[in-house]
Amino acid sequence: MFYSGIIIVNYYREYNDLILKKILDSNLNMNVSIFFEKQDPYKIIKNLTYHIANVGIDLKEGNQNRQDIDIAAFTYNDAKYIRKEIQVNNEDIYFLYIYINAFSENKNELEYLLNKIEGILESNGLKTRRANFREEQIFLSCMPFMQNNDDIKFAARRNILTSGLVSTYPFISSTIFDEQGIFCGTNIYNNSLIFIDRYNEEKYKNANMCIFGTSGAGKSFYTKLMILRYRLLQIEQYVIDPEREYIELAKNLNGTILKIGPNSNTYINILDIREESIEEGNGYLATKISKLIGFFKLIFGELDEEEKAILEEKLIKCYKQKNINFDDESLYKKEEDKVNIKPVFKESRDMPLLEDLYKILGEDRKTKKMQIKLLPFVKGSLNFFNQYTNIELTNKLIVADLYDLGEENLKYGMYLFTDLFWDKIKNNRKIKKAIYLDEIWRLIGVTSNKDVASFIYKIFKTIRKYGGSSVAITQDISDLFSLDEGTYGKSILNNSSNKIFFALEEENILILSKYTNLSEKEKIEIKSLKRGEALMFVGEEHILAKIDVADFEQKLIN
């Protein structure tokens, strides 16, 4: 290994930034050593006073045409400023020494490295000198021996006040290292490791995340990597998978796969009321009806206030046939002969089916159109929606496979599983959990409706108090902001403390810049990102990251 030293011998007179920021942000082979030597203030004041008197006389009596008169005036004012800071503001004065030791296995590469370091330093106003014939002293000074060799001290020494020491602060590389976090990748600029604990309530407002990127940029791979790593921490995870991308991963991690479609043998009844579905301030039936209005709007299209009121009336009648009303006690089975036994919540078979609602809609000519639109869900190709729930959800990783539903019917399945998973998330506030909504634009985009979008937004807004994390994943950013002038897309973006942007097309970058604080530099960076690279907004930090994966993780994911 070959080493070579550089001494910083001079600085700008004033700095508004950290003087070592650019060099520390670069990913170069080097060691940086900074020494501060506190000086005796009385001795310094004595020397300054002597200097001020002598230079003052020179300025008064000297030839005003001398070329160095401006320099003398600067040193005179600086000396007075330093003396005032020490005497009046109780600042201390230090001697500052900064050494840099570059290293490489190749001499030619070392020369290139030295030139690069010198260029970066000089562009930042730092004058440098190579440590010719003093390489050993620089090497030892950059080792942890607290050895500031007298042979190089004189060349490096410059004075600095206490307030000026801030500008030499060396730990300023943009990085994230949450103590309980999981490894997400490396900083592209300085190769530092990125560990994020999005459940850290003290650091982040919430654990929500948005993952955006074009097809093939790496967003799905990154999502799978997060699922894999959180699986090791036994965090409950629920995945809405419209494109059948997470099935192999679920199999490899012994997760549960729920399929819904023409050939599936697992069913979920959309009219189920589950014990964990209760909302604060609302009863069971009121909560359920508000959700069902959104679901039926997906089927019936937009409803005016009169149609909405009629539909609500029919839903109330549908539940009444099963002896369920706005009294929450009606959701519990009655045990006539038993005393002091905890009441049992009604099962799926005690709930109405879509077929029951279908019959009720047919009894009124005002709802005949609704009945016709509901026909495929009861007697047609989508009759798997008209079944009692027959699944138990005990696994901590559950993937909802919606691929067999086809493009037109995906939104119904996505809403169905989102409702189911949301109830699971509310079950226990002390357990960490996450819900992943892939292709989220289908639920909050122009093909959806305000009721559904409001439900999704509510999840993002309130999941924090249930110990949960919502993850929005999409490549169609324009569709994400297409409903109601982007209100819901913007709300979800603003309610996500973590935002991961993979490579995007220019059109999507322009849309994104309307709703986020992207700088001009970041817009260019997003456009030019390679596969597996991302711009991360984590809390207040903005970091360019390369997603790193181990070989065994790659095998599990692929």
Protein backbone atom coordinates (compact mmCIF):
# COMPACT_ATOMS: atom_id res chain seq x y z
CA MET A 1 0.00 0.00 0.00
CA PHE A 2 1.36 3.44 -0.96
CA TYR A 3 0.66 6.57 1.09
CA SER A 4 1.12 10.26 0.43
CA GLY A 5 0.30 13.30 2.56
CA ILE A 6 -1.26 16.71 1.95
CA ILE A 7 -1.12 19.64 4.37
CA ILE A 8 -3.79 22.34 4.32
CA VAL A 9 -1.77 25.53 4.69
CA ASN A 10 -4.33 28.31 4.24
CA TYR A 11 -8.05 29.07 4.24
CA TYR A 12 -10.49 31.72 3.12
CA ARG A 13 -10.70 34.60 5.57
CA GLU A 14 -14.42 33.87 6.16
CA TYR A 15 -16.56 30.76 5.67
CA ASN A 16 -20.33 30.32 5.48
CA ASP A 17 -20.18 26.53 5.14
CA LEU A 18 -18.39 23.54 6.64
CA ILE A 19 -14.94 23.64 5.11
CA LEU A 20 -14.45 19.86 4.86
CA LYS A 21 -17.94 19.00 3.55
CA LYS A 22 -16.99 18.41 -0.10
CA ILE A 23 -13.94 16.31 0.67
CA LEU A 24 -15.74 14.16 3.27
CA ASP A 25 -18.71 13.60 0.95
CA SER A 26 -16.38 12.19 -1.70
CA ASN A 27 -15.77 8.46 -1.60
CA LEU A 28 -11.96 8.62 -1.80
CA ASN A 29 -9.25 6.54 -0.09
CA MET A 30 -7.96 8.93 2.54
CA ASN A 31 -7.58 9.58 6.24
CA VAL A 32 -8.18 13.08 7.59
CA SER A 33 -6.60 14.27 10.83
CA ILE A 34 -7.59 17.51 12.61
CA PHE A 35 -5.69 18.94 15.58
CA PHE A 36 -6.77 21.84 17.80
CA GLU A 37 -4.29 23.37 20.24
CA LYS A 38 -5.77 25.77 22.76
CA GLN A 39 -3.61 28.86 23.35
CA ASP A 40 -3.03 31.06 26.41
CA PRO A 41 -5.47 34.00 25.94
CA TYR A 42 -3.36 36.43 28.02
CA LYS A 43 -0.29 35.78 25.91
CA ILE A 44 -2.33 36.10 22.69
CA ILE A 45 -3.91 39.40 23.81
CA LYS A 46 -0.45 40.76 24.68
CA ASN A 47 0.91 39.84 21.23
CA LEU A 48 -2.19 41.19 19.48
CA THR A 49 -2.00 44.50 21.33
CA TYR A 50 1.66 44.88 20.33
CA HIS A 51 0.80 44.02 16.70
CA ILE A 52 -2.19 46.39 16.60
CA ALA A 53 -0.07 49.29 17.91
CA ASN A 54 2.75 48.71 15.40
CA VAL A 55 0.47 48.24 12.38
CA GLY A 56 -1.66 51.21 13.46
CA ILE A 57 1.38 53.46 13.38
CA ASP A 58 2.37 52.08 9.97
CA LEU A 59 -1.09 52.76 8.58
CA LYS A 60 -1.05 56.37 9.85
CA GLU A 61 2.47 57.27 8.86
CA GLY A 62 3.15 54.89 6.00
CA ASN A 63 3.07 55.63 2.28
CA GLN A 64 -0.56 55.28 1.12
CA ASN A 65 0.65 54.15 -2.32
CA ARG A 66 2.30 51.03 -0.94
CA GLN A 67 0.90 47.89 -2.55
CA ASP A 68 0.53 46.05 0.74
CA ILE A 69 -1.45 48.79 2.48
CA ASP A 70 -4.78 46.90 2.01
CA ILE A 71 -3.29 43.71 3.44
CA ALA A 72 -1.97 45.65 6.43
CA ALA A 73 -5.43 47.15 6.98
CA PHE A 74 -7.03 43.70 6.89
CA THR A 75 -4.58 42.26 9.43
CA TYR A 76 -5.08 45.32 11.65
CA ASN A 77 -8.90 44.88 11.65
CA ASP A 78 -8.63 41.11 12.11
CA ALA A 79 -6.32 41.51 15.08
CA LYS A 80 -8.74 43.99 16.70
CA TYR A 81 -11.68 41.61 16.02
CA ILE A 82 -9.86 38.63 17.59
CA ARG A 83 -8.84 40.64 20.67
CA LYS A 84 -12.43 41.87 21.12
CA GLU A 85 -13.87 38.32 20.83
CA ILE A 86 -11.43 37.03 23.45
CA GLN A 87 -11.86 39.94 25.87
CA VAL A 88 -15.57 40.75 25.47
CA ASN A 89 -17.24 37.50 24.28
CA ASN A 90 -15.03 35.08 26.26
CA GLU A 91 -13.96 33.11 23.19
CA ASP A 92 -10.82 31.01 23.22
CA ILE A 93 -8.26 30.92 20.44
CA TYR A 94 -6.80 27.73 19.00
CA PHE A 95 -4.17 26.73 16.50
CA LEU A 96 -5.74 24.56 13.79
CA TYR A 97 -3.88 21.83 11.86
CA ILE A 98 -5.44 19.66 9.13
CA TYR A 99 -3.61 16.80 7.40
CA ILE A 100 -4.83 14.40 4.74
CA ASN A 101 -3.24 11.06 3.99
CA ALA A 102 -4.23 9.41 0.69
CA PHE A 103 -3.51 5.73 -0.02
CA SER A 104 -3.67 3.25 -2.88
CA GLU A 105 -2.19 -0.07 -4.00
CA ASN A 106 -0.97 1.58 -7.20
CA LYS A 107 1.43 4.55 -7.50
CA ASN A 108 -0.22 5.95 -10.63
CA GLU A 109 -3.63 5.71 -9.02
CA LEU A 110 -2.25 7.44 -5.92
CA GLU A 111 -1.04 10.36 -8.05
CA TYR A 112 -4.49 10.63 -9.64
CA LEU A 113 -6.04 10.54 -6.16
CA LEU A 114 -3.78 13.31 -4.88
CA ASN A 115 -4.65 15.54 -7.84
CA LYS A 116 -8.35 14.93 -7.27
CA ILE A 117 -8.12 15.74 -3.55
CA GLU A 118 -6.15 18.92 -4.26
CA GLY A 119 -8.72 19.98 -6.86
CA ILE A 120 -11.64 19.49 -4.45
CA LEU A 121 -9.87 21.34 -1.64
CA GLU A 122 -8.75 24.27 -3.77
CA SER A 123 -12.22 24.67 -5.27
CA ASN A 124 -13.40 25.17 -1.70
CA GLY A 125 -10.78 27.82 -0.92
CA LEU A 126 -8.30 25.56 0.88
CA LYS A 127 -4.64 26.00 -0.09
CA THR A 128 -2.63 22.81 0.03
CA ARG A 129 0.97 21.66 0.04
CA ARG A 130 2.28 18.17 -0.54
CA ALA A 131 4.31 16.74 2.31
CA ASN A 132 7.46 16.04 0.29
CA PHE A 133 10.22 14.60 2.53
CA ARG A 134 7.72 14.59 5.42
CA GLU A 135 5.54 11.64 4.34
CA GLU A 136 6.31 9.58 7.45
CA GLN A 137 5.35 12.46 9.76
CA ILE A 138 2.01 12.92 7.93
CA PHE A 139 1.36 9.17 8.03
CA LEU A 140 1.90 9.04 11.80
CA SER A 141 -0.16 12.21 12.35
CA CYS A 142 -3.12 10.55 10.61
CA MET A 143 -2.86 7.46 12.81
CA PRO A 144 -4.67 7.36 16.21
CA PHE A 145 -1.53 8.24 18.19
CA MET A 146 -2.37 11.92 18.96
CA GLN A 147 0.95 12.78 17.35
CA ASN A 148 1.21 16.24 15.76
CA ASN A 149 4.80 16.25 14.59
CA ASP A 150 6.88 19.43 15.01
CA ASP A 151 8.36 18.94 11.51
CA ILE A 152 4.99 19.71 9.86
CA LYS A 153 3.22 21.85 12.46
CA PHE A 154 4.61 25.18 11.34
CA ALA A 155 3.41 24.74 7.74
CA ALA A 156 -0.13 23.78 8.80
CA ARG A 157 -0.72 26.14 11.71
CA ARG A 158 -3.52 28.72 11.45
CA ASN A 159 -5.42 30.43 14.28
CA ILE A 160 -9.15 30.00 14.81
CA LEU A 161 -11.65 31.17 17.43
CA THR A 162 -14.07 28.91 19.29
CA SER A 163 -17.01 29.95 17.07
CA GLY A 164 -14.95 29.14 13.98
CA LEU A 165 -14.36 25.56 15.12
CA VAL A 166 -17.89 24.73 13.97
CA SER A 167 -16.76 25.04 10.35
CA THR A 168 -14.29 22.16 10.84
CA TYR A 169 -16.96 19.72 12.12
CA PRO A 170 -16.08 16.47 10.35
CA PHE A 171 -19.14 14.24 10.92
CA ILE A 172 -21.31 15.77 8.24
CA SER A 173 -21.68 13.03 5.63
CA SER A 174 -25.34 12.58 4.67
CA THR A 175 -26.25 9.21 6.07
CA ILE A 176 -28.90 7.45 8.12
CA PHE A 177 -28.09 4.98 10.84
CA ASP A 178 -31.10 4.15 13.00
CA GLU A 179 -30.00 1.89 15.83
CA GLN A 180 -32.94 -0.55 15.50
CA GLY A 181 -33.19 -0.14 11.73
CA ILE A 182 -32.81 -2.62 8.89
CA PHE A 183 -30.13 -2.34 6.21
CA CYS A 184 -31.50 -0.66 3.07
CA GLY A 185 -28.39 0.08 1.00
CA THR A 186 -25.34 2.33 0.73
CA ASN A 187 -24.96 6.04 0.16
CA ILE A 188 -23.79 6.49 -3.46
CA TYR A 189 -21.59 9.49 -2.60
CA ASN A 190 -19.71 8.28 0.47
CA ASN A 191 -20.44 4.54 0.61
CA SER A 192 -21.86 4.80 4.15
CA LEU A 193 -24.40 2.21 5.23
CA ILE A 194 -28.08 3.17 5.45
CA PHE A 195 -30.14 1.65 8.27
CA ILE A 196 -33.75 2.79 8.58
CA ASP A 197 -36.15 2.08 11.43
CA ARG A 198 -39.35 3.51 10.03
CA TYR A 199 -41.20 2.51 13.22
CA ASN A 200 -39.09 4.94 15.29
CA GLU A 201 -41.82 7.28 16.59
CA GLU A 202 -39.32 9.68 18.15
CA LYS A 203 -37.59 10.32 14.82
CA TYR A 204 -40.34 9.91 12.20
CA LYS A 205 -43.93 11.20 12.18
CA ASN A 206 -45.15 7.84 10.92
CA ALA A 207 -43.93 4.54 9.45
CA ASN A 208 -45.61 5.04 6.06
CA MET A 209 -43.68 4.73 2.82
CA CYS A 210 -44.16 5.61 -0.86
CA ILE A 211 -42.15 3.68 -3.47
CA PHE A 212 -42.27 5.13 -7.00
CA GLY A 213 -40.38 4.10 -10.12
CA THR A 214 -40.75 3.10 -13.75
CA SER A 215 -41.08 -0.54 -14.77
CA GLY A 216 -37.75 -2.33 -14.27
CA ALA A 217 -36.20 0.43 -12.12
CA GLY A 218 -36.13 -1.79 -9.01
CA LYS A 219 -39.16 -0.75 -6.94
CA SER A 220 -40.70 -4.25 -6.75
CA PHE A 221 -37.34 -5.81 -5.90
CA TYR A 222 -36.80 -3.25 -3.14
CA THR A 223 -40.29 -3.92 -1.76
CA LYS A 224 -39.60 -7.67 -1.70
CA LEU A 225 -36.30 -7.02 0.05
CA MET A 226 -38.08 -5.00 2.75
CA ILE A 227 -40.67 -7.78 3.16
CA LEU A 228 -37.89 -10.37 3.51
CA ARG A 229 -35.93 -8.37 6.09
CA TYR A 230 -39.00 -7.42 8.13
CA ARG A 231 -40.07 -11.07 8.04
CA LEU A 232 -36.91 -11.88 10.01
CA LEU A 233 -38.08 -9.41 12.66
CA GLN A 234 -41.46 -11.20 12.89
CA ILE A 235 -43.38 -8.09 11.82
CA GLU A 236 -46.90 -8.81 10.52
CA GLN A 237 -47.06 -8.02 6.78
CA TYR A 238 -49.99 -7.99 4.38
CA VAL A 239 -49.42 -7.59 0.64
CA ILE A 240 -51.95 -6.63 -2.06
CA ASP A 241 -50.47 -8.27 -5.17
CA PRO A 242 -52.36 -7.49 -8.40
CA GLU A 243 -49.54 -8.59 -10.74
CA ARG A 244 -48.53 -11.87 -9.01
CA GLU A 245 -45.05 -10.56 -8.18
CA TYR A 246 -44.77 -11.67 -4.54
CA ILE A 247 -45.97 -15.28 -4.71
CA GLU A 248 -42.55 -16.98 -4.94
CA LEU A 249 -41.22 -14.86 -2.08
CA ALA A 250 -44.22 -15.78 0.06
CA LYS A 251 -43.64 -19.48 -0.66
CA ASN A 252 -39.94 -19.24 0.21
CA LEU A 253 -40.75 -17.44 3.47
CA ASN A 254 -43.55 -19.87 4.44
CA GLY A 255 -46.17 -17.15 4.08
CA THR A 256 -49.86 -17.60 3.33
CA ILE A 257 -51.11 -16.95 -0.20
CA LEU A 258 -54.76 -15.96 -0.65
CA LYS A 259 -56.13 -16.26 -4.16
CA ILE A 260 -59.40 -14.85 -5.32
CA GLY A 261 -60.72 -15.50 -8.79
CA PRO A 262 -62.73 -17.91 -10.96
CA ASN A 263 -60.50 -20.88 -10.06
CA SER A 264 -59.87 -20.10 -6.40
CA ASN A 265 -61.17 -22.10 -3.48
CA THR A 266 -60.64 -19.35 -0.92
CA TYR A 267 -63.43 -16.83 -0.40
CA ILE A 268 -64.02 -13.61 1.48
CA ASN A 269 -67.47 -12.17 2.06
CA ILE A 270 -67.43 -8.42 1.48
CA LEU A 271 -70.46 -8.08 3.80
CA ASP A 272 -68.62 -9.61 6.77
CA ILE A 273 -68.48 -7.54 9.94
CA ARG A 274 -65.39 -8.56 11.91
CA GLU A 275 -64.89 -8.06 15.62
CA GLU A 276 -61.72 -6.02 15.09
CA SER A 277 -63.41 -3.71 12.55
CA ILE A 278 -64.84 -1.34 15.18
CA GLU A 279 -63.90 2.35 14.78
CA GLU A 280 -63.62 4.88 17.57
CA GLY A 281 -66.85 6.84 17.85
CA ASN A 282 -68.84 4.56 15.50
CA GLY A 283 -70.71 1.32 15.93
CA TYR A 284 -70.06 -1.82 13.92
CA LEU A 285 -72.87 -1.46 11.40
CA ALA A 286 -72.34 2.27 10.81
CA THR A 287 -68.65 1.65 10.14
CA LYS A 288 -69.38 -1.23 7.78
CA ILE A 289 -72.01 0.65 5.76
CA SER A 290 -69.67 3.61 5.17
CA LYS A 291 -67.07 1.19 3.75
CA LEU A 292 -69.65 -0.69 1.65
CA ILE A 293 -70.89 2.53 0.02
CA GLY A 294 -67.38 3.01 -1.39
CA PHE A 295 -67.23 -0.60 -2.61
CA PHE A 296 -70.62 -0.46 -4.32
CA LYS A 297 -69.67 2.82 -5.98
CA LEU A 298 -66.92 0.84 -7.73
CA ILE A 299 -69.68 -1.42 -9.12
CA PHE A 300 -72.56 1.03 -9.65
CA GLY A 301 -70.54 4.14 -10.55
CA GLU A 302 -71.09 7.54 -8.96
CA LEU A 303 -74.30 7.84 -6.94
CA ASP A 304 -76.22 11.01 -6.18
CA GLU A 305 -77.35 11.72 -2.62
CA GLU A 306 -80.79 10.14 -3.16
CA GLU A 307 -79.34 6.93 -4.64
CA LYS A 308 -76.78 6.76 -1.85
CA ALA A 309 -79.51 7.10 0.79
CA ILE A 310 -81.61 4.37 -0.87
CA LEU A 311 -78.61 2.03 -1.08
CA GLU A 312 -77.89 2.62 2.61
CA GLU A 313 -81.51 1.82 3.44
CA LYS A 314 -81.28 -1.48 1.50
CA LEU A 315 -78.03 -2.42 3.28
CA ILE A 316 -79.63 -1.78 6.67
CA LYS A 317 -82.55 -4.01 5.64
CA CYS A 318 -80.11 -6.69 4.41
CA TYR A 319 -78.40 -6.87 7.82
CA LYS A 320 -81.73 -6.68 9.66
CA GLN A 321 -82.74 -9.97 7.99
CA LYS A 322 -79.77 -11.52 9.81
CA ASN A 323 -80.80 -9.85 13.11
CA ILE A 324 -77.98 -7.29 12.92
CA ASN A 325 -78.72 -3.64 13.62
CA PHE A 326 -77.04 -0.49 14.98
CA ASP A 327 -76.96 -1.97 18.48
CA ASP A 328 -73.51 -3.56 18.73
CA GLU A 329 -74.97 -6.27 21.00
CA SER A 330 -76.73 -7.67 17.91
CA LEU A 331 -73.32 -8.80 16.58
CA TYR A 332 -72.89 -11.24 19.47
CA LYS A 333 -74.47 -14.69 19.73
CA LYS A 334 -76.96 -15.12 22.55
CA GLU A 335 -76.26 -17.91 24.99
CA GLU A 336 -79.56 -18.39 26.82
CA ASP A 337 -78.58 -20.95 29.44
CA LYS A 338 -75.09 -19.75 30.24
CA VAL A 339 -74.17 -17.09 32.79
CA ASN A 340 -71.03 -14.94 33.06
CA ILE A 341 -69.52 -16.31 29.85
CA LYS A 342 -67.77 -13.92 27.48
CA PRO A 343 -70.12 -13.21 24.52
CA VAL A 344 -69.14 -14.79 21.19
CA PHE A 345 -68.97 -12.62 18.08
CA LYS A 346 -71.02 -13.82 15.11
CA GLU A 347 -69.25 -15.82 12.38
CA SER A 348 -69.22 -15.30 8.62
CA ARG A 349 -72.17 -17.67 8.16
CA ASP A 350 -74.25 -15.39 10.39
CA MET A 351 -73.68 -12.51 7.94
CA PRO A 352 -75.64 -11.66 4.78
CA LEU A 353 -74.27 -12.41 1.28
CA LEU A 354 -74.38 -10.28 -1.86
CA GLU A 355 -77.23 -12.54 -2.98
CA ASP A 356 -79.34 -11.28 -0.07
CA LEU A 357 -78.73 -7.69 -1.10
CA TYR A 358 -79.40 -8.62 -4.74
CA LYS A 359 -82.89 -9.88 -3.82
CA ILE A 360 -83.66 -6.76 -1.77
CA LEU A 361 -82.56 -4.48 -4.63
CA GLY A 362 -84.92 -6.34 -6.96
CA GLU A 363 -87.93 -5.55 -4.75
CA ASP A 364 -87.76 -1.81 -5.52
CA ARG A 365 -87.95 -0.38 -9.02
CA LYS A 366 -85.67 2.51 -7.91
CA THR A 367 -82.83 0.02 -7.33
CA LYS A 368 -83.50 -2.24 -10.33
CA LYS A 369 -80.47 -0.83 -12.18
CA MET A 370 -78.26 -1.56 -9.19
CA GLN A 371 -79.56 -5.13 -9.10
CA ILE A 372 -78.66 -5.63 -12.78
CA LYS A 373 -75.12 -4.36 -12.19
CA LEU A 374 -74.79 -6.69 -9.20
CA LEU A 375 -75.90 -9.71 -11.25
CA PRO A 376 -72.33 -10.83 -12.33
CA PHE A 377 -71.31 -10.87 -8.64
CA VAL A 378 -74.17 -13.16 -7.68
CA LYS A 379 -74.96 -15.41 -10.65
CA GLY A 380 -72.27 -14.60 -13.19
CA SER A 381 -68.51 -14.79 -13.70
CA LEU A 382 -67.75 -12.99 -10.40
CA ASN A 383 -69.94 -15.19 -8.20
CA PHE A 384 -66.90 -16.05 -6.04
CA PHE A 385 -67.68 -12.73 -4.31
CA ASN A 386 -70.99 -14.30 -3.23
CA GLN A 387 -69.49 -16.82 -0.78
CA TYR A 388 -68.98 -17.08 2.96
CA THR A 389 -65.46 -16.42 4.22
CA ASN A 390 -63.58 -19.71 4.59
CA ILE A 391 -60.05 -18.64 5.58
CA GLU A 392 -58.18 -18.22 8.85
CA LEU A 393 -55.52 -15.50 8.92
CA THR A 394 -52.89 -16.49 11.47
CA ASN A 395 -49.67 -16.22 9.42
CA LYS A 396 -47.51 -13.11 9.87
CA LEU A 397 -46.95 -12.86 6.11
CA ILE A 398 -50.05 -12.93 3.90
CA VAL A 399 -50.04 -12.18 0.18
CA ALA A 400 -53.34 -11.50 -1.62
CA ASP A 401 -53.02 -12.80 -5.21
CA LEU A 402 -55.49 -10.91 -7.43
CA TYR A 403 -53.99 -11.76 -10.81
CA ASP A 404 -56.87 -14.03 -11.90
CA LEU A 405 -59.38 -11.21 -11.52
CA GLY A 406 -58.24 -9.56 -14.72
CA GLU A 407 -57.67 -5.87 -15.42
CA GLU A 408 -61.31 -4.76 -15.19
CA ASN A 409 -62.08 -6.42 -11.87
CA LEU A 410 -58.84 -5.80 -9.98
CA LYS A 411 -60.19 -2.81 -8.08
CA TYR A 412 -62.92 -4.94 -6.45
CA GLY A 413 -60.41 -7.49 -5.18
CA MET A 414 -57.97 -4.81 -4.03
CA TYR A 415 -60.69 -3.10 -2.00
CA LEU A 416 -61.90 -6.41 -0.57
CA PHE A 417 -58.44 -7.39 0.73
CA THR A 418 -57.57 -3.88 1.87
CA ASP A 419 -60.69 -3.89 4.03
CA LEU A 420 -59.80 -7.35 5.39
CA PHE A 421 -56.16 -6.44 6.13
CA TRP A 422 -57.14 -3.12 7.70
CA ASP A 423 -59.29 -4.99 10.21
CA LYS A 424 -56.34 -7.31 10.94
CA ILE A 425 -54.05 -4.33 11.50
CA LYS A 426 -56.43 -2.79 14.07
CA ASN A 427 -56.57 -6.03 16.07
CA ASN A 428 -53.56 -5.39 18.33
CA ARG A 429 -51.96 -1.95 18.69
CA LYS A 430 -48.84 -3.28 20.39
CA ILE A 431 -47.70 -5.44 17.44
CA LYS A 432 -45.79 -3.89 14.54
CA LYS A 433 -47.35 -4.53 11.16
CA ALA A 434 -47.34 -3.29 7.55
CA ILE A 435 -49.70 -3.30 4.58
CA TYR A 436 -48.25 -3.06 1.05
CA LEU A 437 -50.56 -1.61 -1.62
CA ASP A 438 -49.01 -2.37 -5.01
CA GLU A 439 -50.50 -0.47 -7.97
CA ILE A 440 -52.20 1.83 -5.46
CA TRP A 441 -53.35 4.15 -8.25
CA ARG A 442 -56.20 1.70 -8.91
CA LEU A 443 -57.69 2.61 -5.53
CA ILE A 444 -57.05 6.37 -5.47
CA GLY A 445 -56.81 7.13 -9.21
CA VAL A 446 -59.42 8.29 -11.71
CA THR A 447 -60.89 4.76 -12.07
CA SER A 448 -61.78 4.75 -8.37
CA ASN A 449 -64.08 7.07 -6.40
CA LYS A 450 -63.79 9.52 -3.52
CA ASP A 451 -65.21 7.11 -0.92
CA VAL A 452 -62.60 4.44 -1.70
CA ALA A 453 -59.82 7.03 -1.92
CA SER A 454 -60.92 8.48 1.43
CA PHE A 455 -60.76 5.00 2.98
CA ILE A 456 -57.18 4.50 1.69
CA TYR A 457 -56.19 7.96 2.88
CA LYS A 458 -57.70 7.16 6.29
CA ILE A 459 -55.45 4.09 6.52
CA PHE A 460 -52.36 6.21 5.83
CA LYS A 461 -53.48 8.85 8.30
CA THR A 462 -54.45 6.61 11.23
CA ILE A 463 -52.38 3.42 10.88
CA ARG A 464 -49.66 4.88 13.09
CA LYS A 465 -51.81 4.59 16.23
CA TYR A 466 -52.26 0.88 15.52
CA GLY A 467 -48.49 0.31 15.33
CA GLY A 468 -48.68 -0.06 11.56
CA SER A 469 -47.06 1.09 8.33
CA SER A 470 -48.77 1.67 4.97
CA VAL A 471 -46.65 1.28 1.82
CA ALA A 472 -47.86 2.76 -1.47
CA ILE A 473 -46.19 1.32 -4.59
CA THR A 474 -46.80 2.51 -8.14
CA GLN A 475 -45.22 3.34 -11.48
CA ASP A 476 -48.22 5.36 -12.72
CA ILE A 477 -47.66 8.63 -10.89
CA SER A 478 -49.91 10.60 -13.25
CA ASP A 479 -52.82 8.26 -12.36
CA LEU A 480 -52.00 8.59 -8.66
CA PHE A 481 -52.82 12.31 -8.81
CA SER A 482 -55.68 12.11 -11.30
CA LEU A 483 -58.65 11.90 -8.89
CA ASP A 484 -60.05 15.16 -7.52
CA GLU A 485 -57.08 17.18 -8.82
CA GLY A 486 -54.57 14.99 -6.99
CA THR A 487 -55.98 15.62 -3.49
CA TYR A 488 -55.72 12.00 -2.33
CA GLY A 489 -52.36 11.28 -3.96
CA LYS A 490 -50.92 14.40 -2.36
CA SER A 491 -52.39 13.50 1.04
CA ILE A 492 -50.87 10.02 0.94
CA LEU A 493 -47.50 11.44 -0.14
CA ASN A 494 -47.56 14.00 2.69
CA ASN A 495 -48.51 11.31 5.21
CA SER A 496 -45.46 9.18 4.33
CA SER A 497 -42.26 9.96 6.24
CA ASN A 498 -40.30 7.68 3.90
CA LYS A 499 -40.33 8.28 0.16
CA ILE A 500 -38.26 6.15 -2.21
CA PHE A 501 -37.92 7.39 -5.80
CA PHE A 502 -36.40 5.05 -8.36
CA ALA A 503 -35.75 6.15 -11.96
CA LEU A 504 -38.73 8.05 -13.41
CA GLU A 505 -39.67 9.50 -16.77
CA GLU A 506 -39.48 13.27 -17.14
CA GLU A 507 -43.28 13.63 -17.25
CA ASN A 508 -43.64 11.84 -13.91
CA ILE A 509 -40.79 13.88 -12.39
CA LEU A 510 -42.60 17.11 -13.30
CA ILE A 511 -45.81 15.85 -11.66
CA LEU A 512 -43.90 14.72 -8.57
CA SER A 513 -42.12 18.07 -8.24
CA LYS A 514 -45.52 19.78 -7.79
CA TYR A 515 -46.18 17.79 -4.65
CA THR A 516 -42.70 17.36 -3.11
CA ASN A 517 -39.73 19.60 -2.35
CA LEU A 518 -37.51 18.14 -5.09
CA SER A 519 -34.52 20.36 -5.90
CA GLU A 520 -33.42 20.92 -9.50
CA LYS A 521 -30.38 18.74 -8.86
CA GLU A 522 -32.59 15.92 -7.50
CA LYS A 523 -34.85 16.08 -10.56
CA ILE A 524 -31.82 15.44 -12.77
CA GLU A 525 -30.60 12.67 -10.46
CA ILE A 526 -33.93 10.79 -10.51
CA LYS A 527 -33.98 10.86 -14.30
CA SER A 528 -30.45 9.43 -14.56
CA LEU A 529 -30.65 6.77 -11.83
CA LYS A 530 -29.51 3.28 -12.80
CA ARG A 531 -31.45 0.15 -11.96
CA GLY A 532 -31.29 -0.51 -8.21
CA GLU A 533 -30.47 3.12 -7.35
CA ALA A 534 -32.92 5.43 -5.60
CA LEU A 535 -33.32 8.88 -4.12
CA MET A 536 -34.51 8.40 -0.53
CA PHE A 537 -36.43 10.97 1.46
CA VAL A 538 -36.20 9.67 5.02
CA GLY A 539 -37.64 12.20 7.44
CA GLU A 540 -35.72 15.38 6.65
CA GLU A 541 -32.78 13.57 5.01
CA HIS A 542 -32.39 13.31 1.22
CA ILE A 543 -29.93 10.58 0.19
CA LEU A 544 -28.93 8.94 -3.07
CA ALA A 545 -28.69 5.23 -2.34
CA LYS A 546 -27.68 2.02 -4.03
CA ILE A 547 -29.83 -0.93 -2.92
CA ASP A 548 -27.56 -3.74 -1.73
CA VAL A 549 -28.63 -7.37 -1.52
CA ALA A 550 -26.89 -10.56 -0.39
CA ASP A 551 -26.73 -13.59 -2.72
CA PHE A 552 -29.03 -15.71 -0.54
CA GLU A 553 -31.57 -12.86 -0.44
CA GLN A 554 -31.45 -12.63 -4.23
CA LYS A 555 -32.20 -16.35 -4.50
CA LEU A 556 -35.13 -16.12 -2.09
CA ILE A 557 -36.61 -13.15 -3.96
CA ASN A 558 -36.14 -14.53 -7.47
